Amino acid sequence: MTRRAGHYVARTGNMICEAIALGATLEEALEMVGHLAPSVHSFWRWLDEHADFREKYERARTLQADMHADKMLEMSRDVITRPTLANAYRVAVDILKWQAEIRNRERYGKKDTDAKAKKPLDPTKLRQEIKRLESELGVAESKVQPLRRAK
């Protein structure tokens, strides 16, 4: 289907974003909008030129992550009744999981629980631990060169 290189129309932009939020790819969303849809080139131009549309598009992609999560739940239920397809489901779930991660890192991204649990190092305690290790290993203090800060 040939698309027009149209000017930005908020209603058309909303229709595209709604389709994307419901799980459609960009190409599918443009197909759903039909003859009102811009060309892909015009779509990218709309994103560059219209902040309101860009915000709606980003929000749609974030919401799409929830659709991917729901799809994974549906697939997990379906695989129970169709265990012979478990490997295919595993691949599909990995793809959906990755898509959800990149669409909404805050909710679906990998959590670094160790980094959050650790407190910043106290320089005084760190120096004490270094001295303790030096004496334990028999390394003389004078042989250890202090770190120099880059200027």
C-alpha atoms as a PDB file:
ATOM      1  CA  MET A   1       0.000   0.000   0.000  1.00  0.00           C
ATOM      2  CA  THR A   2       1.392   3.377  -0.958  1.00  0.00           C
ATOM      3  CA  ARG A   3       1.260   5.883   1.848  1.00  0.00           C
ATOM      4  CA  ARG A   4       1.024   9.588   1.589  1.00  0.00           C
ATOM      5  CA  ALA A   5       3.763  11.962   2.698  1.00  0.00           C
ATOM      6  CA  GLY A   6       1.236  13.893   4.717  1.00  0.00           C
ATOM      7  CA  HIS A   7       1.415  16.726   7.128  1.00  0.00           C
ATOM      8  CA  TYR A   8       1.086  15.959  10.802  1.00  0.00           C
ATOM      9  CA  VAL A   9      -2.493  15.356  11.918  1.00  0.00           C
ATOM     10  CA  ALA A  10      -2.931  14.775  15.668  1.00  0.00           C
ATOM     11  CA  ARG A  11      -5.872  12.392  15.174  1.00  0.00           C
ATOM     12  CA  THR A  12      -3.833  10.177  12.845  1.00  0.00           C
ATOM     13  CA  GLY A  13      -0.883  10.293  15.250  1.00  0.00           C
ATOM     14  CA  ASN A  14      -3.175   9.230  18.095  1.00  0.00           C
ATOM     15  CA  MET A  15      -4.476   6.295  16.058  1.00  0.00           C
ATOM     16  CA  ILE A  16      -0.924   5.140  15.309  1.00  0.00           C
ATOM     17  CA  CYS A  17       0.121   5.444  18.952  1.00  0.00           C
ATOM     18  CA  GLU A  18      -2.968   3.588  20.143  1.00  0.00           C
ATOM     19  CA  ALA A  19      -2.236   0.672  17.815  1.00  0.00           C
ATOM     20  CA  ILE A  20       1.385   0.561  18.993  1.00  0.00           C
ATOM     21  CA  ALA A  21       0.351   0.660  22.655  1.00  0.00           C
ATOM     22  CA  LEU A  22      -1.893  -2.334  21.972  1.00  0.00           C
ATOM     23  CA  GLY A  23       1.076  -4.328  20.681  1.00  0.00           C
ATOM     24  CA  ALA A  24       1.323  -3.517  16.980  1.00  0.00           C
ATOM     25  CA  THR A  25       4.630  -2.912  15.248  1.00  0.00           C
ATOM     26  CA  LEU A  26       5.052   0.427  13.519  1.00  0.00           C
ATOM     27  CA  GLU A  27       4.368  -1.146  10.122  1.00  0.00           C
ATOM     28  CA  GLU A  28       1.228  -2.865  11.452  1.00  0.00           C
ATOM     29  CA  ALA A  29       0.037   0.374  13.060  1.00  0.00           C
ATOM     30  CA  LEU A  30       0.430   2.245   9.783  1.00  0.00           C
ATOM     31  CA  GLU A  31      -1.501  -0.503   7.990  1.00  0.00           C
ATOM     32  CA  MET A  32      -4.306  -0.279  10.584  1.00  0.00           C
ATOM     33  CA  VAL A  33      -4.622   3.464  10.070  1.00  0.00           C
ATOM     34  CA  GLY A  34      -4.979   2.840   6.351  1.00  0.00           C
ATOM     35  CA  HIS A  35      -5.099   5.632   3.793  1.00  0.00           C
ATOM     36  CA  LEU A  36      -4.650   8.273   6.515  1.00  0.00           C
ATOM     37  CA  ALA A  37      -1.272   6.849   7.490  1.00  0.00           C
ATOM     38  CA  PRO A  38       1.857   8.787   6.610  1.00  0.00           C
ATOM     39  CA  SER A  39       4.833   7.202   4.912  1.00  0.00           C
ATOM     40  CA  VAL A  40       7.474   5.828   7.263  1.00  0.00           C
ATOM     41  CA  HIS A  41       9.703   8.751   6.298  1.00  0.00           C
ATOM     42  CA  SER A  42       6.943  11.211   7.230  1.00  0.00           C
ATOM     43  CA  PHE A  43       6.332   9.320  10.465  1.00  0.00           C
ATOM     44  CA  TRP A  44       9.952   9.818  11.553  1.00  0.00           C
ATOM     45  CA  ARG A  45       9.737  13.459  10.535  1.00  0.00           C
ATOM     46  CA  TRP A  46       6.620  13.831  12.697  1.00  0.00           C
ATOM     47  CA  LEU A  47       8.593  12.494  15.658  1.00  0.00           C
ATOM     48  CA  ASP A  48      11.363  15.016  15.048  1.00  0.00           C
ATOM     49  CA  GLU A  49       9.101  17.996  14.516  1.00  0.00           C
ATOM     50  CA  HIS A  50       6.240  17.483  17.006  1.00  0.00           C
ATOM     51  CA  ALA A  51       7.095  17.112  20.690  1.00  0.00           C
ATOM     52  CA  ASP A  52       3.521  16.191  21.642  1.00  0.00           C
ATOM     53  CA  PHE A  53       3.505  13.340  19.125  1.00  0.00           C
ATOM     54  CA  ARG A  54       6.966  12.195  20.253  1.00  0.00           C
ATOM     55  CA  GLU A  55       5.734  12.038  23.877  1.00  0.00           C
ATOM     56  CA  LYS A  56       2.646  10.040  22.853  1.00  0.00           C
ATOM     57  CA  TYR A  57       4.788   7.662  20.821  1.00  0.00           C
ATOM     58  CA  GLU A  58       7.230   7.118  23.697  1.00  0.00           C
ATOM     59  CA  ARG A  59       4.300   6.520  26.051  1.00  0.00           C
ATOM     60  CA  ALA A  60       2.794   4.052  23.566  1.00  0.00           C
ATOM     61  CA  ARG A  61       6.059   2.113  23.410  1.00  0.00           C
ATOM     62  CA  THR A  62       6.217   2.052  27.219  1.00  0.00           C
ATOM     63  CA  LEU A  63       2.653   0.753  27.418  1.00  0.00           C
ATOM     64  CA  GLN A  64       3.502  -1.816  24.781  1.00  0.00           C
ATOM     65  CA  ALA A  65       5.797  -3.431  27.358  1.00  0.00           C
ATOM     66  CA  ASP A  66       2.734  -4.225  29.467  1.00  0.00           C
ATOM     67  CA  MET A  67       1.141  -5.895  26.457  1.00  0.00           C
ATOM     68  CA  HIS A  68       4.269  -7.997  26.032  1.00  0.00           C
ATOM     69  CA  ALA A  69       4.121  -8.992  29.709  1.00  0.00           C
ATOM     70  CA  ASP A  70       0.469  -9.989  29.333  1.00  0.00           C
ATOM     71  CA  LYS A  71       1.317 -12.002  26.213  1.00  0.00           C
ATOM     72  CA  MET A  72       4.025 -13.857  28.151  1.00  0.00           C
ATOM     73  CA  LEU A  73       1.475 -14.739  30.836  1.00  0.00           C
ATOM     74  CA  GLU A  74      -0.942 -16.027  28.184  1.00  0.00           C
ATOM     75  CA  MET A  75       1.841 -18.104  26.660  1.00  0.00           C
ATOM     76  CA  SER A  76       2.806 -19.574  30.039  1.00  0.00           C
ATOM     77  CA  ARG A  77      -0.778 -20.740  30.506  1.00  0.00           C
ATOM     78  CA  ASP A  78      -0.963 -22.106  26.971  1.00  0.00           C
ATOM     79  CA  VAL A  79       2.270 -24.089  27.216  1.00  0.00           C
ATOM     80  CA  ILE A  80       0.782 -26.137  30.066  1.00  0.00           C
ATOM     81  CA  THR A  81      -1.778 -27.577  27.662  1.00  0.00           C
ATOM     82  CA  ARG A  82       0.722 -27.806  24.780  1.00  0.00           C
ATOM     83  CA  PRO A  83       4.034 -28.938  26.326  1.00  0.00           C
ATOM     84  CA  THR A  84       5.395 -30.122  22.972  1.00  0.00           C
ATOM     85  CA  LEU A  85       5.705 -26.457  21.986  1.00  0.00           C
ATOM     86  CA  ALA A  86       7.691 -25.511  25.079  1.00  0.00           C
ATOM     87  CA  ASN A  87      10.880 -24.691  23.161  1.00  0.00           C
ATOM     88  CA  ALA A  88       9.040 -22.441  20.708  1.00  0.00           C
ATOM     89  CA  TYR A  89       7.344 -20.679  23.612  1.00  0.00           C
ATOM     90  CA  ARG A  90      10.694 -20.252  25.352  1.00  0.00           C
ATOM     91  CA  VAL A  91      12.149 -18.475  22.323  1.00  0.00           C
ATOM     92  CA  ALA A  92       9.054 -16.296  21.931  1.00  0.00           C
ATOM     93  CA  VAL A  93       9.053 -15.398  25.632  1.00  0.00           C
ATOM     94  CA  ASP A  94      12.747 -14.445  25.470  1.00  0.00           C
ATOM     95  CA  ILE A  95      11.999 -12.081  22.589  1.00  0.00           C
ATOM     96  CA  LEU A  96       8.983 -10.583  24.365  1.00  0.00           C
ATOM     97  CA  LYS A  97      10.972 -10.237  27.565  1.00  0.00           C
ATOM     98  CA  TRP A  98      13.733  -8.382  25.751  1.00  0.00           C
ATOM     99  CA  GLN A  99      11.171  -6.147  24.059  1.00  0.00           C
ATOM    100  CA  ALA A 100       9.522  -5.378  27.418  1.00  0.00           C
ATOM    101  CA  GLU A 101      12.943  -4.576  28.915  1.00  0.00           C
ATOM    102  CA  ILE A 102      13.855  -2.066  26.230  1.00  0.00           C
ATOM    103  CA  ARG A 103      10.372  -0.526  26.178  1.00  0.00           C
ATOM    104  CA  ASN A 104      10.124  -0.014  29.946  1.00  0.00           C
ATOM    105  CA  ARG A 105      13.438  -0.514  31.741  1.00  0.00           C
ATOM    106  CA  GLU A 106      12.118   0.823  35.006  1.00  0.00           C
ATOM    107  CA  ARG A 107       9.484  -1.883  35.292  1.00  0.00           C
ATOM    108  CA  TYR A 108      10.883  -4.789  33.266  1.00  0.00           C
ATOM    109  CA  GLY A 109      14.634  -4.120  33.194  1.00  0.00           C
ATOM    110  CA  LYS A 110      17.143  -6.183  35.072  1.00  0.00           C
ATOM    111  CA  LYS A 111      17.395  -5.144  38.676  1.00  0.00           C
ATOM    112  CA  ASP A 112      20.837  -4.825  40.240  1.00  0.00           C
ATOM    113  CA  THR A 113      19.897  -5.735  43.793  1.00  0.00           C
ATOM    114  CA  ASP A 114      23.514  -5.977  44.985  1.00  0.00           C
ATOM    115  CA  ALA A 115      24.342  -2.413  43.923  1.00  0.00           C
ATOM    116  CA  LYS A 116      21.349  -1.040  45.794  1.00  0.00           C
ATOM    117  CA  ALA A 117      22.160  -2.993  48.935  1.00  0.00           C
ATOM    118  CA  LYS A 118      25.797  -1.885  49.144  1.00  0.00           C
ATOM    119  CA  LYS A 119      26.642   1.345  50.885  1.00  0.00           C
ATOM    120  CA  PRO A 120      29.374   3.670  49.632  1.00  0.00           C
ATOM    121  CA  LEU A 121      32.832   2.861  50.953  1.00  0.00           C
ATOM    122  CA  ASP A 122      34.142   4.900  53.853  1.00  0.00           C
ATOM    123  CA  PRO A 123      37.718   6.042  53.010  1.00  0.00           C
ATOM    124  CA  THR A 124      38.866   5.723  56.638  1.00  0.00           C
ATOM    125  CA  LYS A 125      37.642   2.143  56.924  1.00  0.00           C
ATOM    126  CA  LEU A 126      39.128   1.353  53.539  1.00  0.00           C
ATOM    127  CA  ARG A 127      42.578   2.616  54.646  1.00  0.00           C
ATOM    128  CA  GLN A 128      42.306   0.543  57.845  1.00  0.00           C
ATOM    129  CA  GLU A 129      41.456  -2.567  55.834  1.00  0.00           C
ATOM    130  CA  ILE A 130      44.409  -1.939  53.489  1.00  0.00           C
ATOM    131  CA  LYS A 131      46.793  -1.613  56.463  1.00  0.00           C
ATOM    132  CA  ARG A 132      45.384  -4.782  58.001  1.00  0.00           C
ATOM    133  CA  LEU A 133      45.875  -6.703  54.754  1.00  0.00           C
ATOM    134  CA  GLU A 134      49.402  -5.298  54.315  1.00  0.00           C
ATOM    135  CA  SER A 135      50.416  -6.477  57.744  1.00  0.00           C
ATOM    136  CA  GLU A 136      48.722  -9.840  57.233  1.00  0.00           C
ATOM    137  CA  LEU A 137      50.550 -10.338  53.926  1.00  0.00           C
ATOM    138  CA  GLY A 138      53.828  -8.954  55.232  1.00  0.00           C
ATOM    139  CA  VAL A 139      53.965  -6.127  52.731  1.00  0.00           C
ATOM    140  CA  ALA A 140      55.840  -3.101  53.990  1.00  0.00           C
ATOM    141  CA  GLU A 141      53.960   0.174  53.825  1.00  0.00           C
ATOM    142  CA  SER A 142      56.833   1.968  52.111  1.00  0.00           C
ATOM    143  CA  LYS A 143      56.678  -0.427  49.123  1.00  0.00           C
ATOM    144  CA  VAL A 144      53.065   0.412  48.336  1.00  0.00           C
ATOM    145  CA  GLN A 145      52.759   3.447  46.092  1.00  0.00           C
ATOM    146  CA  PRO A 146      49.820   5.717  46.801  1.00  0.00           C
ATOM    147  CA  LEU A 147      47.355   6.245  43.981  1.00  0.00           C
ATOM    148  CA  ARG A 148      47.720   9.516  42.156  1.00  0.00           C
ATOM    149  CA  ARG A 149      44.681  11.396  41.052  1.00  0.00           C
ATOM    150  CA  ALA A 150      44.405  12.312  37.407  1.00  0.00           C
ATOM    151  CA  LYS A 151      44.402  16.031  36.721  1.00  0.00           C
END
